[in-house]
Amino acid sequence: DGFVRAIQARSGRDNAYSDEAFGAAMKEFKIFFNRGQVPKRKELLLSRDANGTLAVLYGEGGHKQQAGRSLMGTLSEERLSRLLWLNYLAGDKVASEGARDNIIEGIMEFVERP
């Protein structure tokens, strides 16, 4: 899976990610994605809260308030969620240039408000 490979690539460069707790979090993260790819017109939402807890949700798609989303699981390992977001935001080779542009645009809209 692309998410797992990206996290492993970033974590392999730093000994801070070689402990047992991070390894256990990676195993749990892999379980979330053992169902294969997300079909077209469906959505996979990754949410990171202020404490770094990652929530993974799967939805029917669309912008309806009750879009039929289900929680696949949560991970409290802050380092894992940080590496996942850095995959979209940091460095020369990001997972999705479009996603990075949209995230930056949203942040700029927020901070530019009076």
PDB file of N, CA and C in Angstrom:
ATOM      1  N   ASP A   1       0.832  -1.189   0.000  1.00  0.00           N
ATOM      2  CA  ASP A   1       0.000   0.000   0.000  1.00  0.00           C
ATOM      3  C   ASP A   1       0.873   1.247   0.000  1.00  0.00           C
ATOM      4  N   GLY A   2       0.452   2.249  -0.720  1.00  0.00           N
ATOM      5  CA  GLY A   2       1.221   3.479  -0.847  1.00  0.00           C
ATOM      6  C   GLY A   2       1.413   4.215   0.466  1.00  0.00           C
ATOM      7  N   PHE A   3       0.372   4.234   1.306  1.00  0.00           N
ATOM      8  CA  PHE A   3       0.492   4.909   2.601  1.00  0.00           C
ATOM      9  C   PHE A   3       1.577   4.257   3.443  1.00  0.00           C
ATOM     10  N   VAL A   4       1.564   2.952   3.506  1.00  0.00           N
ATOM     11  CA  VAL A   4       2.526   2.216   4.329  1.00  0.00           C
ATOM     12  C   VAL A   4       3.941   2.417   3.804  1.00  0.00           C
ATOM     13  N   ARG A   5       4.122   2.319   2.492  1.00  0.00           N
ATOM     14  CA  ARG A   5       5.465   2.516   1.909  1.00  0.00           C
ATOM     15  C   ARG A   5       5.988   3.923   2.187  1.00  0.00           C
ATOM     16  N   ALA A   6       5.125   4.921   2.087  1.00  0.00           N
ATOM     17  CA  ALA A   6       5.557   6.299   2.328  1.00  0.00           C
ATOM     18  C   ALA A   6       5.980   6.497   3.777  1.00  0.00           C
ATOM     19  N   ILE A   7       5.222   5.940   4.709  1.00  0.00           N
ATOM     20  CA  ILE A   7       5.574   6.063   6.125  1.00  0.00           C
ATOM     21  C   ILE A   7       6.880   5.329   6.401  1.00  0.00           C
ATOM     22  N   GLN A   8       7.034   4.135   5.843  1.00  0.00           N
ATOM     23  CA  GLN A   8       8.260   3.367   6.056  1.00  0.00           C
ATOM     24  C   GLN A   8       9.471   4.079   5.474  1.00  0.00           C
ATOM     25  N   ALA A   9       9.309   4.723   4.329  1.00  0.00           N
ATOM     26  CA  ALA A   9      10.429   5.444   3.716  1.00  0.00           C
ATOM     27  C   ALA A   9      10.876   6.597   4.600  1.00  0.00           C
ATOM     28  N   ARG A  10       9.924   7.343   5.140  1.00  0.00           N
ATOM     29  CA  ARG A  10      10.281   8.475   5.998  1.00  0.00           C
ATOM     30  C   ARG A  10      10.791   8.019   7.364  1.00  0.00           C
ATOM     31  N   SER A  11      10.205   6.970   7.925  1.00  0.00           N
ATOM     32  CA  SER A  11      10.602   6.526   9.261  1.00  0.00           C
ATOM     33  C   SER A  11      11.940   5.795   9.243  1.00  0.00           C
ATOM     34  N   GLY A  12      12.304   5.211   8.116  1.00  0.00           N
ATOM     35  CA  GLY A  12      13.563   4.481   8.018  1.00  0.00           C
ATOM     36  C   GLY A  12      14.790   5.360   8.129  1.00  0.00           C
ATOM     37  N   ARG A  13      14.609   6.655   7.962  1.00  0.00           N
ATOM     38  CA  ARG A  13      15.738   7.596   8.019  1.00  0.00           C
ATOM     39  C   ARG A  13      16.073   8.053   9.432  1.00  0.00           C
ATOM     40  N   ASP A  14      15.272   7.667  10.427  1.00  0.00           N
ATOM     41  CA  ASP A  14      15.422   8.218  11.770  1.00  0.00           C
ATOM     42  C   ASP A  14      15.244   7.108  12.807  1.00  0.00           C
ATOM     43  N   ASN A  15      16.200   6.990  13.719  1.00  0.00           N
ATOM     44  CA  ASN A  15      16.125   5.966  14.764  1.00  0.00           C
ATOM     45  C   ASN A  15      14.997   6.211  15.757  1.00  0.00           C
ATOM     46  N   ALA A  16      14.421   7.405  15.767  1.00  0.00           N
ATOM     47  CA  ALA A  16      13.322   7.711  16.682  1.00  0.00           C
ATOM     48  C   ALA A  16      12.087   6.867  16.384  1.00  0.00           C
ATOM     49  N   TYR A  17      12.068   6.219  15.224  1.00  0.00           N
ATOM     50  CA  TYR A  17      10.914   5.414  14.822  1.00  0.00           C
ATOM     51  C   TYR A  17      11.181   3.914  14.917  1.00  0.00           C
ATOM     52  N   SER A  18      12.249   3.523  15.581  1.00  0.00           N
ATOM     53  CA  SER A  18      12.613   2.103  15.609  1.00  0.00           C
ATOM     54  C   SER A  18      12.153   1.385  16.876  1.00  0.00           C
ATOM     55  N   ASP A  19      11.348   2.042  17.703  1.00  0.00           N
ATOM     56  CA  ASP A  19      10.913   1.405  18.940  1.00  0.00           C
ATOM     57  C   ASP A  19       9.691   0.506  18.720  1.00  0.00           C
ATOM     58  N   GLU A  20       9.372  -0.271  19.736  1.00  0.00           N
ATOM     59  CA  GLU A  20       8.288  -1.252  19.659  1.00  0.00           C
ATOM     60  C   GLU A  20       6.912  -0.595  19.496  1.00  0.00           C
ATOM     61  N   ALA A  21       6.694   0.541  20.141  1.00  0.00           N
ATOM     62  CA  ALA A  21       5.392   1.218  20.059  1.00  0.00           C
ATOM     63  C   ALA A  21       5.094   1.664  18.632  1.00  0.00           C
ATOM     64  N   PHE A  22       6.107   2.181  17.947  1.00  0.00           N
ATOM     65  CA  PHE A  22       5.891   2.609  16.564  1.00  0.00           C
ATOM     66  C   PHE A  22       5.639   1.396  15.667  1.00  0.00           C
ATOM     67  N   GLY A  23       6.368   0.323  15.893  1.00  0.00           N
ATOM     68  CA  GLY A  23       6.157  -0.903  15.121  1.00  0.00           C
ATOM     69  C   GLY A  23       4.751  -1.461  15.309  1.00  0.00           C
ATOM     70  N   ALA A  24       4.248  -1.418  16.538  1.00  0.00           N
ATOM     71  CA  ALA A  24       2.887  -1.895  16.812  1.00  0.00           C
ATOM     72  C   ALA A  24       1.858  -1.006  16.120  1.00  0.00           C
ATOM     73  N   ALA A  25       2.097   0.301  16.123  1.00  0.00           N
ATOM     74  CA  ALA A  25       1.182   1.230  15.446  1.00  0.00           C
ATOM     75  C   ALA A  25       1.172   0.973  13.940  1.00  0.00           C
ATOM     76  N   MET A  26       2.330   0.673  13.366  1.00  0.00           N
ATOM     77  CA  MET A  26       2.395   0.368  11.929  1.00  0.00           C
ATOM     78  C   MET A  26       1.594  -0.893  11.606  1.00  0.00           C
ATOM     79  N   LYS A  27       1.695  -1.904  12.450  1.00  0.00           N
ATOM     80  CA  LYS A  27       0.925  -3.135  12.221  1.00  0.00           C
ATOM     81  C   LYS A  27      -0.572  -2.845  12.248  1.00  0.00           C
ATOM     82  N   GLU A  28      -0.994  -2.047  13.221  1.00  0.00           N
ATOM     83  CA  GLU A  28      -2.413  -1.694  13.328  1.00  0.00           C
ATOM     84  C   GLU A  28      -2.861  -0.868  12.124  1.00  0.00           C
ATOM     85  N   PHE A  29      -2.007   0.053  11.677  1.00  0.00           N
ATOM     86  CA  PHE A  29      -2.312   0.886  10.513  1.00  0.00           C
ATOM     87  C   PHE A  29      -2.503   0.021   9.269  1.00  0.00           C
ATOM     88  N   LYS A  30      -1.653  -0.976   9.089  1.00  0.00           N
ATOM     89  CA  LYS A  30      -1.755  -1.868   7.929  1.00  0.00           C
ATOM     90  C   LYS A  30      -3.096  -2.605   7.910  1.00  0.00           C
ATOM     91  N   ILE A  31      -3.602  -2.948   9.077  1.00  0.00           N
ATOM     92  CA  ILE A  31      -4.881  -3.659   9.167  1.00  0.00           C
ATOM     93  C   ILE A  31      -6.019  -2.810   8.601  1.00  0.00           C
ATOM     94  N   PHE A  32      -5.953  -1.486   8.794  1.00  0.00           N
ATOM     95  CA  PHE A  32      -6.997  -0.598   8.270  1.00  0.00           C
ATOM     96  C   PHE A  32      -7.127  -0.724   6.756  1.00  0.00           C
ATOM     97  N   PHE A  33      -6.024  -1.017   6.084  1.00  0.00           N
ATOM     98  CA  PHE A  33      -5.996  -0.974   4.625  1.00  0.00           C
ATOM     99  C   PHE A  33      -5.851  -2.352   3.983  1.00  0.00           C
ATOM    100  N   ASN A  34      -6.217  -3.400   4.679  1.00  0.00           N
ATOM    101  CA  ASN A  34      -6.089  -4.740   4.104  1.00  0.00           C
ATOM    102  C   ASN A  34      -7.241  -5.088   3.162  1.00  0.00           C
ATOM    103  N   ARG A  35      -8.138  -4.137   2.907  1.00  0.00           N
ATOM    104  CA  ARG A  35      -9.294  -4.387   2.039  1.00  0.00           C
ATOM    105  C   ARG A  35      -9.043  -3.992   0.591  1.00  0.00           C
ATOM    106  N   GLY A  36      -7.885  -3.475   0.270  1.00  0.00           N
ATOM    107  CA  GLY A  36      -7.581  -3.091  -1.108  1.00  0.00           C
ATOM    108  C   GLY A  36      -7.832  -1.617  -1.361  1.00  0.00           C
ATOM    109  N   GLN A  37      -8.008  -1.280  -2.619  1.00  0.00           N
ATOM    110  CA  GLN A  37      -8.157   0.112  -3.023  1.00  0.00           C
ATOM    111  C   GLN A  37      -9.564   0.628  -2.753  1.00  0.00           C
ATOM    112  N   VAL A  38      -9.647   1.949  -2.614  1.00  0.00           N
ATOM    113  CA  VAL A  38     -10.938   2.612  -2.448  1.00  0.00           C
ATOM    114  C   VAL A  38     -11.567   2.750  -3.834  1.00  0.00           C
ATOM    115  N   PRO A  39     -12.786   2.248  -4.025  1.00  0.00           N
ATOM    116  CA  PRO A  39     -13.436   2.350  -5.337  1.00  0.00           C
ATOM    117  C   PRO A  39     -13.706   3.804  -5.727  1.00  0.00           C
ATOM    118  N   LYS A  40     -13.854   4.030  -7.025  1.00  0.00           N
ATOM    119  CA  LYS A  40     -14.190   5.367  -7.507  1.00  0.00           C
ATOM    120  C   LYS A  40     -15.506   5.810  -6.890  1.00  0.00           C
ATOM    121  N   ARG A  41     -15.610   7.103  -6.679  1.00  0.00           N
ATOM    122  CA  ARG A  41     -16.787   7.762  -6.098  1.00  0.00           C
ATOM    123  C   ARG A  41     -17.003   7.424  -4.629  1.00  0.00           C
ATOM    124  N   LYS A  42     -16.031   6.788  -4.019  1.00  0.00           N
ATOM    125  CA  LYS A  42     -16.047   6.549  -2.578  1.00  0.00           C
ATOM    126  C   LYS A  42     -14.951   7.418  -1.983  1.00  0.00           C
ATOM    127  N   GLU A  43     -14.951   7.580  -0.671  1.00  0.00           N
ATOM    128  CA  GLU A  43     -13.942   8.445  -0.070  1.00  0.00           C
ATOM    129  C   GLU A  43     -13.276   7.778   1.120  1.00  0.00           C
ATOM    130  N   LEU A  44     -12.027   8.125   1.298  1.00  0.00           N
ATOM    131  CA  LEU A  44     -11.257   7.706   2.451  1.00  0.00           C
ATOM    132  C   LEU A  44     -10.815   8.987   3.133  1.00  0.00           C
ATOM    133  N   LEU A  45     -11.240   9.181   4.370  1.00  0.00           N
ATOM    134  CA  LEU A  45     -10.909  10.394   5.103  1.00  0.00           C
ATOM    135  C   LEU A  45      -9.895  10.072   6.186  1.00  0.00           C
ATOM    136  N   LEU A  46      -8.838  10.870   6.224  1.00  0.00           N
ATOM    137  CA  LEU A  46      -7.813  10.753   7.253  1.00  0.00           C
ATOM    138  C   LEU A  46      -7.866  12.031   8.067  1.00  0.00           C
ATOM    139  N   SER A  47      -8.116  11.901   9.343  1.00  0.00           N
ATOM    140  CA  SER A  47      -8.269  13.066  10.213  1.00  0.00           C
ATOM    141  C   SER A  47      -7.270  12.965  11.354  1.00  0.00           C
ATOM    142  N   ARG A  48      -6.577  14.063  11.613  1.00  0.00           N
ATOM    143  CA  ARG A  48      -5.588  14.099  12.696  1.00  0.00           C
ATOM    144  C   ARG A  48      -6.015  15.167  13.687  1.00  0.00           C
ATOM    145  N   ASP A  49      -6.184  14.808  14.953  1.00  0.00           N
ATOM    146  CA  ASP A  49      -6.622  15.794  15.938  1.00  0.00           C
ATOM    147  C   ASP A  49      -5.427  16.507  16.570  1.00  0.00           C
ATOM    148  N   ALA A  50      -5.699  17.387  17.517  1.00  0.00           N
ATOM    149  CA  ALA A  50      -4.656  18.207  18.138  1.00  0.00           C
ATOM    150  C   ALA A  50      -3.616  17.370  18.876  1.00  0.00           C
ATOM    151  N   ASN A  51      -3.980  16.179  19.314  1.00  0.00           N
ATOM    152  CA  ASN A  51      -3.042  15.300  20.017  1.00  0.00           C
ATOM    153  C   ASN A  51      -2.275  14.381  19.075  1.00  0.00           C
ATOM    154  N   GLY A  52      -2.593  14.453  17.782  1.00  0.00           N
ATOM    155  CA  GLY A  52      -1.919  13.610  16.807  1.00  0.00           C
ATOM    156  C   GLY A  52      -2.604  12.280  16.561  1.00  0.00           C
ATOM    157  N   THR A  53      -3.777  12.071  17.156  1.00  0.00           N
ATOM    158  CA  THR A  53      -4.518  10.835  16.931  1.00  0.00           C
ATOM    159  C   THR A  53      -5.087  10.834  15.520  1.00  0.00           C
ATOM    160  N   LEU A  54      -4.866   9.748  14.825  1.00  0.00           N
ATOM    161  CA  LEU A  54      -5.337   9.604  13.453  1.00  0.00           C
ATOM    162  C   LEU A  54      -6.631   8.806  13.447  1.00  0.00           C
ATOM    163  N   ALA A  55      -7.648   9.346  12.774  1.00  0.00           N
ATOM    164  CA  ALA A  55      -8.905   8.625  12.565  1.00  0.00           C
ATOM    165  C   ALA A  55      -9.019   8.329  11.079  1.00  0.00           C
ATOM    166  N   VAL A  56      -9.357   7.100  10.736  1.00  0.00           N
ATOM    167  CA  VAL A  56      -9.520   6.684   9.346  1.00  0.00           C
ATOM    168  C   VAL A  56     -10.995   6.343   9.141  1.00  0.00           C
ATOM    169  N   LEU A  57     -11.631   7.070   8.199  1.00  0.00           N
ATOM    170  CA  LEU A  57     -13.047   6.871   7.913  1.00  0.00           C
ATOM    171  C   LEU A  57     -13.235   6.509   6.450  1.00  0.00           C
ATOM    172  N   TYR A  58     -14.250   5.690   6.190  1.00  0.00           N
ATOM    173  CA  TYR A  58     -14.589   5.294   4.830  1.00  0.00           C
ATOM    174  C   TYR A  58     -16.010   5.751   4.571  1.00  0.00           C
ATOM    175  N   GLY A  59     -16.219   6.388   3.411  1.00  0.00           N
ATOM    176  CA  GLY A  59     -17.542   6.917   3.135  1.00  0.00           C
ATOM    177  C   GLY A  59     -18.037   6.632   1.742  1.00  0.00           C
ATOM    178  N   GLU A  60     -19.305   6.888   1.573  1.00  0.00           N
ATOM    179  CA  GLU A  60     -19.975   6.675   0.295  1.00  0.00           C
ATOM    180  C   GLU A  60     -19.645   7.762  -0.718  1.00  0.00           C
ATOM    181  N   GLY A  61     -19.029   8.833  -0.284  1.00  0.00           N
ATOM    182  CA  GLY A  61     -18.695   9.921  -1.197  1.00  0.00           C
ATOM    183  C   GLY A  61     -19.759  10.991  -1.181  1.00  0.00           C
ATOM    184  N   GLY A  62     -19.489  12.057  -1.881  1.00  0.00           N
ATOM    185  CA  GLY A  62     -20.437  13.160  -1.925  1.00  0.00           C
ATOM    186  C   GLY A  62     -20.231  14.116  -0.772  1.00  0.00           C
ATOM    187  N   HIS A  63     -20.966  15.203  -0.823  1.00  0.00           N
ATOM    188  CA  HIS A  63     -20.817  16.253   0.188  1.00  0.00           C
ATOM    189  C   HIS A  63     -22.015  16.315   1.121  1.00  0.00           C
ATOM    190  N   LYS A  64     -22.802  15.272   1.160  1.00  0.00           N
ATOM    191  CA  LYS A  64     -23.954  15.240   2.054  1.00  0.00           C
ATOM    192  C   LYS A  64     -23.462  15.187   3.490  1.00  0.00           C
ATOM    193  N   GLN A  65     -24.213  15.833   4.368  1.00  0.00           N
ATOM    194  CA  GLN A  65     -23.803  15.857   5.763  1.00  0.00           C
ATOM    195  C   GLN A  65     -23.795  14.442   6.356  1.00  0.00           C
ATOM    196  N   GLN A  66     -24.776  13.650   6.023  1.00  0.00           N
ATOM    197  CA  GLN A  66     -24.836  12.263   6.482  1.00  0.00           C
ATOM    198  C   GLN A  66     -24.472  11.352   5.310  1.00  0.00           C
ATOM    199  N   ALA A  67     -23.231  11.357   4.924  1.00  0.00           N
ATOM    200  CA  ALA A  67     -22.789  10.641   3.725  1.00  0.00           C
ATOM    201  C   ALA A  67     -22.539   9.155   3.971  1.00  0.00           C
ATOM    202  N   GLY A  68     -22.930   8.637   5.108  1.00  0.00           N
ATOM    203  CA  GLY A  68     -22.742   7.220   5.368  1.00  0.00           C
ATOM    204  C   GLY A  68     -21.303   6.842   5.635  1.00  0.00           C
ATOM    205  N   ARG A  69     -20.602   7.631   6.407  1.00  0.00           N
ATOM    206  CA  ARG A  69     -19.204   7.338   6.728  1.00  0.00           C
ATOM    207  C   ARG A  69     -19.127   6.387   7.916  1.00  0.00           C
ATOM    208  N   SER A  70     -18.167   5.495   7.848  1.00  0.00           N
ATOM    209  CA  SER A  70     -17.948   4.587   8.973  1.00  0.00           C
ATOM    210  C   SER A  70     -16.494   4.690   9.413  1.00  0.00           C
ATOM    211  N   LEU A  71     -16.299   4.622  10.703  1.00  0.00           N
ATOM    212  CA  LEU A  71     -14.963   4.705  11.284  1.00  0.00           C
ATOM    213  C   LEU A  71     -14.279   3.354  11.137  1.00  0.00           C
ATOM    214  N   MET A  72     -13.168   3.350  10.421  1.00  0.00           N
ATOM    215  CA  MET A  72     -12.392   2.121  10.257  1.00  0.00           C
ATOM    216  C   MET A  72     -11.526   1.878  11.485  1.00  0.00           C
ATOM    217  N   GLY A  73     -11.100   2.975  12.134  1.00  0.00           N
ATOM    218  CA  GLY A  73     -10.287   2.845  13.325  1.00  0.00           C
ATOM    219  C   GLY A  73      -9.545   4.121  13.647  1.00  0.00           C
ATOM    220  N   THR A  74      -8.900   4.127  14.795  1.00  0.00           N
ATOM    221  CA  THR A  74      -8.080   5.259  15.216  1.00  0.00           C
ATOM    222  C   THR A  74      -6.728   4.742  15.694  1.00  0.00           C
ATOM    223  N   LEU A  75      -5.735   5.595  15.576  1.00  0.00           N
ATOM    224  CA  LEU A  75      -4.385   5.308  16.065  1.00  0.00           C
ATOM    225  C   LEU A  75      -3.918   6.495  16.889  1.00  0.00           C
ATOM    226  N   SER A  76      -3.451   6.237  18.084  1.00  0.00           N
ATOM    227  CA  SER A  76      -3.010   7.339  18.935  1.00  0.00           C
ATOM    228  C   SER A  76      -1.520   7.647  18.788  1.00  0.00           C
ATOM    229  N   GLU A  77      -0.811   6.934  17.929  1.00  0.00           N
ATOM    230  CA  GLU A  77       0.628   7.159  17.721  1.00  0.00           C
ATOM    231  C   GLU A  77       0.840   8.417  16.887  1.00  0.00           C
ATOM    232  N   GLU A  78       1.199   9.499  17.552  1.00  0.00           N
ATOM    233  CA  GLU A  78       1.352  10.802  16.905  1.00  0.00           C
ATOM    234  C   GLU A  78       2.397  10.776  15.802  1.00  0.00           C
ATOM    235  N   ARG A  79       3.463  10.039  15.992  1.00  0.00           N
ATOM    236  CA  ARG A  79       4.536  10.015  14.996  1.00  0.00           C
ATOM    237  C   ARG A  79       4.057   9.440  13.669  1.00  0.00           C
ATOM    238  N   LEU A  80       3.208   8.443  13.718  1.00  0.00           N
ATOM    239  CA  LEU A  80       2.696   7.832  12.497  1.00  0.00           C
ATOM    240  C   LEU A  80       1.812   8.819  11.732  1.00  0.00           C
ATOM    241  N   SER A  81       0.914   9.483  12.440  1.00  0.00           N
ATOM    242  CA  SER A  81       0.037  10.437  11.748  1.00  0.00           C
ATOM    243  C   SER A  81       0.834  11.617  11.201  1.00  0.00           C
ATOM    244  N   ARG A  82       1.878  12.026  11.906  1.00  0.00           N
ATOM    245  CA  ARG A  82       2.720  13.127  11.414  1.00  0.00           C
ATOM    246  C   ARG A  82       3.418  12.727  10.113  1.00  0.00           C
ATOM    247  N   LEU A  83       3.983  11.529  10.077  1.00  0.00           N
ATOM    248  CA  LEU A  83       4.657  11.067   8.861  1.00  0.00           C
ATOM    249  C   LEU A  83       3.687  10.939   7.692  1.00  0.00           C
ATOM    250  N   LEU A  84       2.477  10.494   7.971  1.00  0.00           N
ATOM    251  CA  LEU A  84       1.479  10.370   6.914  1.00  0.00           C
ATOM    252  C   LEU A  84       1.156  11.734   6.321  1.00  0.00           C
ATOM    253  N   TRP A  85       0.961  12.739   7.157  1.00  0.00           N
ATOM    254  CA  TRP A  85       0.666  14.085   6.647  1.00  0.00           C
ATOM    255  C   TRP A  85       1.873  14.697   5.949  1.00  0.00           C
ATOM    256  N   LEU A  86       3.072  14.436   6.454  1.00  0.00           N
ATOM    257  CA  LEU A  86       4.266  14.947   5.780  1.00  0.00           C
ATOM    258  C   LEU A  86       4.394  14.372   4.379  1.00  0.00           C
ATOM    259  N   ASN A  87       3.884  13.179   4.182  1.00  0.00           N
ATOM    260  CA  ASN A  87       3.894  12.568   2.861  1.00  0.00           C
ATOM    261  C   ASN A  87       3.129  13.426   1.850  1.00  0.00           C
ATOM    262  N   TYR A  88       2.108  14.127   2.322  1.00  0.00           N
ATOM    263  CA  TYR A  88       1.315  14.982   1.433  1.00  0.00           C
ATOM    264  C   TYR A  88       1.835  16.413   1.364  1.00  0.00           C
ATOM    265  N   LEU A  89       2.597  16.841   2.359  1.00  0.00           N
ATOM    266  CA  LEU A  89       2.950  18.257   2.443  1.00  0.00           C
ATOM    267  C   LEU A  89       4.422  18.578   2.282  1.00  0.00           C
ATOM    268  N   ALA A  90       5.314  17.683   2.627  1.00  0.00           N
ATOM    269  CA  ALA A  90       6.728  18.039   2.739  1.00  0.00           C
ATOM    270  C   ALA A  90       7.583  17.397   1.656  1.00  0.00           C
ATOM    271  N   GLY A  91       8.610  18.103   1.279  1.00  0.00           N
ATOM    272  CA  GLY A  91       9.600  17.560   0.368  1.00  0.00           C
ATOM    273  C   GLY A  91       9.295  17.793  -1.096  1.00  0.00           C
ATOM    274  N   ASP A  92      10.237  17.345  -1.920  1.00  0.00           N
ATOM    275  CA  ASP A  92      10.107  17.511  -3.369  1.00  0.00           C
ATOM    276  C   ASP A  92       9.129  16.514  -3.978  1.00  0.00           C
ATOM    277  N   LYS A  93       9.091  15.315  -3.425  1.00  0.00           N
ATOM    278  CA  LYS A  93       8.227  14.266  -3.970  1.00  0.00           C
ATOM    279  C   LYS A  93       7.090  14.010  -2.987  1.00  0.00           C
ATOM    280  N   VAL A  94       5.959  14.640  -3.224  1.00  0.00           N
ATOM    281  CA  VAL A  94       4.797  14.442  -2.362  1.00  0.00           C
ATOM    282  C   VAL A  94       3.855  13.434  -3.013  1.00  0.00           C
ATOM    283  N   ALA A  95       2.981  12.849  -2.216  1.00  0.00           N
ATOM    284  CA  ALA A  95       2.051  11.840  -2.728  1.00  0.00           C
ATOM    285  C   ALA A  95       1.101  12.422  -3.760  1.00  0.00           C
ATOM    286  N   SER A  96       0.670  13.658  -3.529  1.00  0.00           N
ATOM    287  CA  SER A  96      -0.286  14.279  -4.441  1.00  0.00           C
ATOM    288  C   SER A  96      -0.068  15.787  -4.447  1.00  0.00           C
ATOM    289  N   GLU A  97       0.433  16.286  -5.550  1.00  0.00           N
ATOM    290  CA  GLU A  97       0.654  17.731  -5.669  1.00  0.00           C
ATOM    291  C   GLU A  97      -0.673  18.479  -5.555  1.00  0.00           C
ATOM    292  N   GLY A  98      -1.729  17.920  -6.124  1.00  0.00           N
ATOM    293  CA  GLY A  98      -3.050  18.542  -6.032  1.00  0.00           C
ATOM    294  C   GLY A  98      -3.537  18.636  -4.599  1.00  0.00           C
ATOM    295  N   ALA A  99      -3.331  17.560  -3.827  1.00  0.00           N
ATOM    296  CA  ALA A  99      -3.730  17.573  -2.415  1.00  0.00           C
ATOM    297  C   ALA A  99      -2.925  18.615  -1.650  1.00  0.00           C
ATOM    298  N   ARG A 100      -1.625  18.688  -1.918  1.00  0.00           N
ATOM    299  CA  ARG A 100      -0.802  19.678  -1.230  1.00  0.00           C
ATOM    300  C   ARG A 100      -1.275  21.082  -1.555  1.00  0.00           C
ATOM    301  N   ASP A 101      -1.553  21.355  -2.817  1.00  0.00           N
ATOM    302  CA  ASP A 101      -2.030  22.682  -3.209  1.00  0.00           C
ATOM    303  C   ASP A 101      -3.350  23.024  -2.526  1.00  0.00           C
ATOM    304  N   ASN A 102      -4.275  22.061  -2.466  1.00  0.00           N
ATOM    305  CA  ASN A 102      -5.563  22.307  -1.823  1.00  0.00           C
ATOM    306  C   ASN A 102      -5.424  22.552  -0.329  1.00  0.00           C
ATOM    307  N   ILE A 103      -4.550  21.811   0.324  1.00  0.00           N
ATOM    308  CA  ILE A 103      -4.328  21.990   1.757  1.00  0.00           C
ATOM    309  C   ILE A 103      -3.723  23.358   2.021  1.00  0.00           C
ATOM    310  N   ILE A 104      -2.725  23.733   1.242  1.00  0.00           N
ATOM    311  CA  ILE A 104      -2.092  25.043   1.410  1.00  0.00           C
ATOM    312  C   ILE A 104      -3.099  26.157   1.160  1.00  0.00           C
ATOM    313  N   GLU A 105      -3.908  26.009   0.118  1.00  0.00           N
ATOM    314  CA  GLU A 105      -4.925  27.013  -0.190  1.00  0.00           C
ATOM    315  C   GLU A 105      -5.914  27.163   0.970  1.00  0.00           C
ATOM    316  N   GLY A 106      -6.340  26.051   1.547  1.00  0.00           N
ATOM    317  CA  GLY A 106      -7.265  26.095   2.678  1.00  0.00           C
ATOM    318  C   GLY A 106      -6.652  26.749   3.898  1.00  0.00           C
ATOM    319  N   ILE A 107      -5.393  26.454   4.164  1.00  0.00           N
ATOM    320  CA  ILE A 107      -4.711  27.072   5.303  1.00  0.00           C
ATOM    321  C   ILE A 107      -4.560  28.569   5.079  1.00  0.00           C
ATOM    322  N   MET A 108      -4.188  28.957   3.876  1.00  0.00           N
ATOM    323  CA  MET A 108      -4.024  30.382   3.573  1.00  0.00           C
ATOM    324  C   MET A 108      -5.354  31.127   3.706  1.00  0.00           C
ATOM    325  N   GLU A 109      -6.447  30.523   3.270  1.00  0.00           N
ATOM    326  CA  GLU A 109      -7.768  31.136   3.439  1.00  0.00           C
ATOM    327  C   GLU A 109      -8.056  31.371   4.906  1.00  0.00           C
ATOM    328  N   PHE A 110      -7.715  30.391   5.721  1.00  0.00           N
ATOM    329  CA  PHE A 110      -7.982  30.479   7.150  1.00  0.00           C
ATOM    330  C   PHE A 110      -7.144  31.566   7.815  1.00  0.00           C
ATOM    331  N   VAL A 111      -5.856  31.626   7.530  1.00  0.00           N
ATOM    332  CA  VAL A 111      -4.985  32.588   8.212  1.00  0.00           C
ATOM    333  C   VAL A 111      -5.117  34.000   7.658  1.00  0.00           C
ATOM    334  N   GLU A 112      -5.652  34.151   6.456  1.00  0.00           N
ATOM    335  CA  GLU A 112      -5.806  35.481   5.874  1.00  0.00           C
ATOM    336  C   GLU A 112      -7.085  36.177   6.312  1.00  0.00           C
ATOM    337  N   ARG A 113      -7.948  35.471   7.025  1.00  0.00           N
ATOM    338  CA  ARG A 113      -9.193  36.087   7.495  1.00  0.00           C
ATOM    339  C   ARG A 113      -8.878  37.136   8.550  1.00  0.00           C
ATOM    340  N   PRO A 114      -9.677  38.216   8.546  1.00  0.00           N
ATOM    341  CA  PRO A 114      -9.437  39.266   9.564  1.00  0.00           C
ATOM    342  C   PRO A 114      -9.803  38.821  10.961  1.00  0.00           C
TER     343      PRO A 114
END
